[in-house]
């Protein structure tokens, strides 16, 4: 009794939608050379802070 080999073909991939380019902002530009900036969203105000370690913190 012989063994039959089956060939497996991958299914064609669906084309991924083109990635939309997100707006990019430099934190140093937002803070204008300082270590903090105020950011508003609707009627809420947030503080964006650059730490001494170079990390970003966003607080209400």
PDB file of N, CA and C in Angstrom:
ATOM      1  N   UNK A   1       0.853  -1.167   0.000  1.00  0.00           N
ATOM      2  CA  UNK A   1       0.000   0.000   0.000  1.00  0.00           C
ATOM      3  C   UNK A   1       0.910   1.246   0.000  1.00  0.00           C
ATOM      4  N   UNK A   2       0.803   2.100  -1.010  1.00  0.00           N
ATOM      5  CA  UNK A   2       1.638   3.292  -1.128  1.00  0.00           C
ATOM      6  C   UNK A   2       1.022   4.490  -0.389  1.00  0.00           C
ATOM      7  N   UNK A   3       1.877   5.415  -0.002  1.00  0.00           N
ATOM      8  CA  UNK A   3       1.391   6.629   0.664  1.00  0.00           C
ATOM      9  C   UNK A   3       1.240   7.720  -0.377  1.00  0.00           C
ATOM     10  N   UNK A   4       0.139   8.422  -0.260  1.00  0.00           N
ATOM     11  CA  UNK A   4      -0.117   9.544  -1.158  1.00  0.00           C
ATOM     12  C   UNK A   4       0.282  10.830  -0.461  1.00  0.00           C
ATOM     13  N   UNK A   5       1.020  11.653  -1.136  1.00  0.00           N
ATOM     14  CA  UNK A   5       1.410  12.940  -0.583  1.00  0.00           C
ATOM     15  C   UNK A   5       0.418  13.999  -1.045  1.00  0.00           C
ATOM     16  N   UNK A   6       0.007  14.806  -0.113  1.00  0.00           N
ATOM     17  CA  UNK A   6      -0.900  15.909  -0.449  1.00  0.00           C
ATOM     18  C   UNK A   6      -0.091  17.195  -0.447  1.00  0.00           C
ATOM     19  N   UNK A   7      -0.330  18.005  -1.435  1.00  0.00           N
ATOM     20  CA  UNK A   7       0.343  19.302  -1.410  1.00  0.00           C
ATOM     21  C   UNK A   7      -0.629  20.319  -0.818  1.00  0.00           C
ATOM     22  N   UNK A   8      -0.096  21.140   0.053  1.00  0.00           N
ATOM     23  CA  UNK A   8      -0.907  22.153   0.716  1.00  0.00           C
ATOM     24  C   UNK A   8      -0.464  23.516   0.198  1.00  0.00           C
ATOM     25  N   UNK A   9      -1.429  24.282  -0.267  1.00  0.00           N
ATOM     26  CA  UNK A   9      -1.144  25.609  -0.786  1.00  0.00           C
ATOM     27  C   UNK A   9      -1.752  26.636   0.158  1.00  0.00           C
ATOM     28  N   UNK A  10      -0.974  27.656   0.558  1.00  0.00           N
ATOM     29  CA  UNK A  10      -1.532  28.678   1.453  1.00  0.00           C
ATOM     30  C   UNK A  10      -2.632  29.467   0.740  1.00  0.00           C
ATOM     31  N   UNK A  11      -3.601  29.899   1.522  1.00  0.00           N
ATOM     32  CA  UNK A  11      -4.660  30.730   0.963  1.00  0.00           C
ATOM     33  C   UNK A  11      -4.095  32.103   0.640  1.00  0.00           C
ATOM     34  N   UNK A  12      -4.609  32.736  -0.402  1.00  0.00           N
ATOM     35  CA  UNK A  12      -4.112  34.087  -0.704  1.00  0.00           C
ATOM     36  C   UNK A  12      -4.450  35.045   0.427  1.00  0.00           C
ATOM     37  N   UNK A  13      -3.507  35.895   0.761  1.00  0.00           N
ATOM     38  CA  UNK A  13      -3.717  36.864   1.834  1.00  0.00           C
ATOM     39  C   UNK A  13      -4.529  38.044   1.332  1.00  0.00           C
ATOM     40  N   UNK A  14      -5.413  38.518   2.198  1.00  0.00           N
ATOM     41  CA  UNK A  14      -6.164  39.725   1.870  1.00  0.00           C
ATOM     42  C   UNK A  14      -5.221  40.913   2.026  1.00  0.00           C
ATOM     43  N   UNK A  15      -5.352  41.868   1.148  1.00  0.00           N
ATOM     44  CA  UNK A  15      -4.501  43.061   1.234  1.00  0.00           C
ATOM     45  C   UNK A  15      -4.888  43.877   2.450  1.00  0.00           C
ATOM     46  N   UNK A  16      -3.890  44.229   3.229  1.00  0.00           N
ATOM     47  CA  UNK A  16      -4.131  45.078   4.402  1.00  0.00           C
ATOM     48  C   UNK A  16      -4.383  46.498   3.917  1.00  0.00           C
ATOM     49  N   UNK A  17      -5.317  47.200   4.572  1.00  0.00           N
ATOM     50  CA  UNK A  17      -5.544  48.589   4.167  1.00  0.00           C
ATOM     51  C   UNK A  17      -4.297  49.427   4.436  1.00  0.00           C
ATOM     52  N   UNK A  18      -4.092  50.413   3.608  1.00  0.00           N
ATOM     53  CA  UNK A  18      -2.936  51.291   3.784  1.00  0.00           C
ATOM     54  C   UNK A  18      -2.997  51.958   5.154  1.00  0.00           C
ATOM     55  N   UNK A  19      -1.886  51.939   5.863  1.00  0.00           N
ATOM     56  CA  UNK A  19      -1.832  52.555   7.193  1.00  0.00           C
ATOM     57  C   UNK A  19      -1.860  54.072   7.029  1.00  0.00           C
ATOM     58  N   UNK A  20      -2.740  54.701   7.775  1.00  0.00           N
ATOM     59  CA  UNK A  20      -2.837  56.151   7.734  1.00  0.00           C
ATOM     60  C   UNK A  20      -1.703  56.728   8.568  1.00  0.00           C
ATOM     61  N   UNK A  21      -1.020  57.709   8.027  1.00  0.00           N
ATOM     62  CA  UNK A  21       0.081  58.348   8.742  1.00  0.00           C
ATOM     63  C   UNK A  21      -0.484  59.169   9.900  1.00  0.00           C
ATOM     64  N   UNK A  22      -0.028  58.875  11.100  1.00  0.00           N
ATOM     65  CA  UNK A  22      -0.481  59.613  12.282  1.00  0.00           C
ATOM     66  C   UNK A  22       0.286  60.915  12.421  1.00  0.00           C
ATOM     67  N   UNK A  23      -0.354  61.956  12.933  1.00  0.00           N
ATOM     68  CA  UNK A  23       0.382  63.191  13.189  1.00  0.00           C
ATOM     69  C   UNK A  23       1.492  62.922  14.212  1.00  0.00           C
ATOM     70  N   UNK A  24       2.640  63.510  13.996  1.00  0.00           N
ATOM     71  CA  UNK A  24       3.780  63.313  14.888  1.00  0.00           C
ATOM     72  C   UNK A  24       4.238  64.658  15.418  1.00  0.00           C
ATOM     73  N   UNK A  25       4.431  64.722  16.733  1.00  0.00           N
ATOM     74  CA  UNK A  25       4.851  65.959  17.385  1.00  0.00           C
ATOM     75  C   UNK A  25       6.052  65.669  18.266  1.00  0.00           C
ATOM     76  N   UNK A  26       7.032  66.553  18.254  1.00  0.00           N
ATOM     77  CA  UNK A  26       8.183  66.426  19.154  1.00  0.00           C
ATOM     78  C   UNK A  26       7.772  66.994  20.506  1.00  0.00           C
ATOM     79  N   UNK A  27       7.986  66.235  21.567  1.00  0.00           N
ATOM     80  CA  UNK A  27       7.613  66.684  22.911  1.00  0.00           C
ATOM     81  C   UNK A  27       8.294  68.002  23.252  1.00  0.00           C
ATOM     82  N   UNK A  28       9.534  68.170  22.795  1.00  0.00           N
ATOM     83  CA  UNK A  28      10.258  69.410  23.073  1.00  0.00           C
ATOM     84  C   UNK A  28       9.584  70.620  22.409  1.00  0.00           C
ATOM     85  N   UNK A  29       8.952  70.385  21.258  1.00  0.00           N
ATOM     86  CA  UNK A  29       8.219  71.475  20.604  1.00  0.00           C
ATOM     87  C   UNK A  29       6.940  71.791  21.362  1.00  0.00           C
ATOM     88  N   UNK A  30       6.256  70.743  21.850  1.00  0.00           N
ATOM     89  CA  UNK A  30       5.025  70.970  22.614  1.00  0.00           C
ATOM     90  C   UNK A  30       5.306  71.727  23.902  1.00  0.00           C
ATOM     91  N   UNK A  31       6.439  71.420  24.524  1.00  0.00           N
ATOM     92  CA  UNK A  31       6.769  72.078  25.792  1.00  0.00           C
ATOM     93  C   UNK A  31       7.575  73.360  25.586  1.00  0.00           C
ATOM     94  N   UNK A  32       7.914  73.666  24.352  1.00  0.00           N
ATOM     95  CA  UNK A  32       8.675  74.871  23.991  1.00  0.00           C
ATOM     96  C   UNK A  32       9.936  75.018  24.834  1.00  0.00           C
ATOM     97  N   UNK A  33      10.678  73.918  24.960  1.00  0.00           N
ATOM     98  CA  UNK A  33      11.941  73.944  25.682  1.00  0.00           C
ATOM     99  C   UNK A  33      11.817  73.799  27.185  1.00  0.00           C
ATOM    100  N   UNK A  34      10.628  73.803  27.704  1.00  0.00           N
ATOM    101  CA  UNK A  34      10.415  73.614  29.153  1.00  0.00           C
ATOM    102  C   UNK A  34      10.217  72.128  29.422  1.00  0.00           C
ATOM    103  N   UNK A  35       9.885  71.778  30.667  1.00  0.00           N
ATOM    104  CA  UNK A  35       9.650  70.363  30.971  1.00  0.00           C
ATOM    105  C   UNK A  35       8.167  70.020  31.080  1.00  0.00           C
ATOM    106  N   UNK A  36       7.296  71.016  30.844  1.00  0.00           N
ATOM    107  CA  UNK A  36       5.847  70.767  30.950  1.00  0.00           C
ATOM    108  C   UNK A  36       5.081  71.547  29.886  1.00  0.00           C
ATOM    109  N   UNK A  37       3.900  71.008  29.555  1.00  0.00           N
ATOM    110  CA  UNK A  37       2.980  71.702  28.658  1.00  0.00           C
ATOM    111  C   UNK A  37       1.560  71.336  29.070  1.00  0.00           C
ATOM    112  N   UNK A  38       0.626  72.242  28.854  1.00  0.00           N
ATOM    113  CA  UNK A  38      -0.784  71.961  29.103  1.00  0.00           C
ATOM    114  C   UNK A  38      -1.413  71.490  27.798  1.00  0.00           C
ATOM    115  N   UNK A  39      -2.208  70.443  27.900  1.00  0.00           N
ATOM    116  CA  UNK A  39      -2.917  69.906  26.741  1.00  0.00           C
ATOM    117  C   UNK A  39      -4.392  69.846  27.111  1.00  0.00           C
ATOM    118  N   UNK A  40      -5.248  70.373  26.250  1.00  0.00           N
ATOM    119  CA  UNK A  40      -6.678  70.354  26.535  1.00  0.00           C
ATOM    120  C   UNK A  40      -7.384  69.382  25.603  1.00  0.00           C
ATOM    121  N   UNK A  41      -8.416  68.765  26.148  1.00  0.00           N
ATOM    122  CA  UNK A  41      -9.297  67.884  25.386  1.00  0.00           C
ATOM    123  C   UNK A  41     -10.704  68.178  25.860  1.00  0.00           C
ATOM    124  N   UNK A  42     -11.490  68.844  25.011  1.00  0.00           N
ATOM    125  CA  UNK A  42     -12.809  69.286  25.446  1.00  0.00           C
ATOM    126  C   UNK A  42     -12.637  70.298  26.558  1.00  0.00           C
ATOM    127  N   UNK A  43     -13.301  70.045  27.678  1.00  0.00           N
ATOM    128  CA  UNK A  43     -13.176  70.982  28.811  1.00  0.00           C
ATOM    129  C   UNK A  43     -12.182  70.491  29.866  1.00  0.00           C
ATOM    130  N   UNK A  44     -11.417  69.455  29.544  1.00  0.00           N
ATOM    131  CA  UNK A  44     -10.419  68.906  30.471  1.00  0.00           C
ATOM    132  C   UNK A  44      -9.024  69.416  30.107  1.00  0.00           C
ATOM    133  N   UNK A  45      -8.203  69.686  31.123  1.00  0.00           N
ATOM    134  CA  UNK A  45      -6.824  70.108  30.904  1.00  0.00           C
ATOM    135  C   UNK A  45      -5.893  69.072  31.526  1.00  0.00           C
ATOM    136  N   UNK A  46      -4.883  68.686  30.758  1.00  0.00           N
ATOM    137  CA  UNK A  46      -3.906  67.694  31.188  1.00  0.00           C
ATOM    138  C   UNK A  46      -2.536  68.338  31.192  1.00  0.00           C
ATOM    139  N   UNK A  47      -1.624  67.786  31.991  1.00  0.00           N
ATOM    140  CA  UNK A  47      -0.240  68.256  32.020  1.00  0.00           C
ATOM    141  C   UNK A  47       0.646  67.166  31.418  1.00  0.00           C
ATOM    142  N   UNK A  48       1.390  67.543  30.393  1.00  0.00           N
ATOM    143  CA  UNK A  48       2.389  66.658  29.799  1.00  0.00           C
ATOM    144  C   UNK A  48       3.722  67.053  30.403  1.00  0.00           C
ATOM    145  N   UNK A  49       4.414  66.091  31.005  1.00  0.00           N
ATOM    146  CA  UNK A  49       5.680  66.399  31.674  1.00  0.00           C
ATOM    147  C   UNK A  49       6.774  65.493  31.141  1.00  0.00           C
ATOM    148  N   UNK A  50       7.944  66.081  30.892  1.00  0.00           N
ATOM    149  CA  UNK A  50       9.127  65.316  30.511  1.00  0.00           C
ATOM    150  C   UNK A  50       9.952  65.131  31.778  1.00  0.00           C
ATOM    151  N   UNK A  51      10.215  63.887  32.152  1.00  0.00           N
ATOM    152  CA  UNK A  51      10.967  63.615  33.374  1.00  0.00           C
ATOM    153  C   UNK A  51      12.470  63.784  33.125  1.00  0.00           C
ATOM    154  N   UNK A  52      13.238  63.797  34.212  1.00  0.00           N
ATOM    155  CA  UNK A  52      14.700  63.879  34.083  1.00  0.00           C
ATOM    156  C   UNK A  52      15.273  62.669  33.353  1.00  0.00           C
ATOM    157  N   UNK A  53      14.548  61.555  33.424  1.00  0.00           N
ATOM    158  CA  UNK A  53      14.985  60.338  32.734  1.00  0.00           C
ATOM    159  C   UNK A  53      14.575  60.329  31.260  1.00  0.00           C
ATOM    160  N   UNK A  54      13.917  61.408  30.808  1.00  0.00           N
ATOM    161  CA  UNK A  54      13.524  61.489  29.406  1.00  0.00           C
ATOM    162  C   UNK A  54      12.236  60.755  29.071  1.00  0.00           C
ATOM    163  N   UNK A  55      11.417  60.461  30.065  1.00  0.00           N
ATOM    164  CA  UNK A  55      10.119  59.798  29.858  1.00  0.00           C
ATOM    165  C   UNK A  55       9.026  60.838  29.844  1.00  0.00           C
ATOM    166  N   UNK A  56       7.871  60.469  29.285  1.00  0.00           N
ATOM    167  CA  UNK A  56       6.718  61.357  29.256  1.00  0.00           C
ATOM    168  C   UNK A  56       5.663  60.883  30.240  1.00  0.00           C
ATOM    169  N   UNK A  57       5.065  61.829  30.960  1.00  0.00           N
ATOM    170  CA  UNK A  57       3.967  61.538  31.877  1.00  0.00           C
ATOM    171  C   UNK A  57       2.836  62.497  31.548  1.00  0.00           C
ATOM    172  N   UNK A  58       1.632  61.960  31.396  1.00  0.00           N
ATOM    173  CA  UNK A  58       0.450  62.763  31.125  1.00  0.00           C
ATOM    174  C   UNK A  58      -0.492  62.600  32.327  1.00  0.00           C
ATOM    175  N   UNK A  59      -0.795  63.711  33.009  1.00  0.00           N
ATOM    176  CA  UNK A  59      -1.672  63.651  34.176  1.00  0.00           C
ATOM    177  C   UNK A  59      -2.802  64.657  34.012  1.00  0.00           C
ATOM    178  N   UNK A  60      -3.864  64.408  34.765  1.00  0.00           N
ATOM    179  CA  UNK A  60      -5.027  65.283  34.740  1.00  0.00           C
ATOM    180  C   UNK A  60      -4.869  66.371  35.752  1.00  0.00           C
TER     181      UNK A  60
END
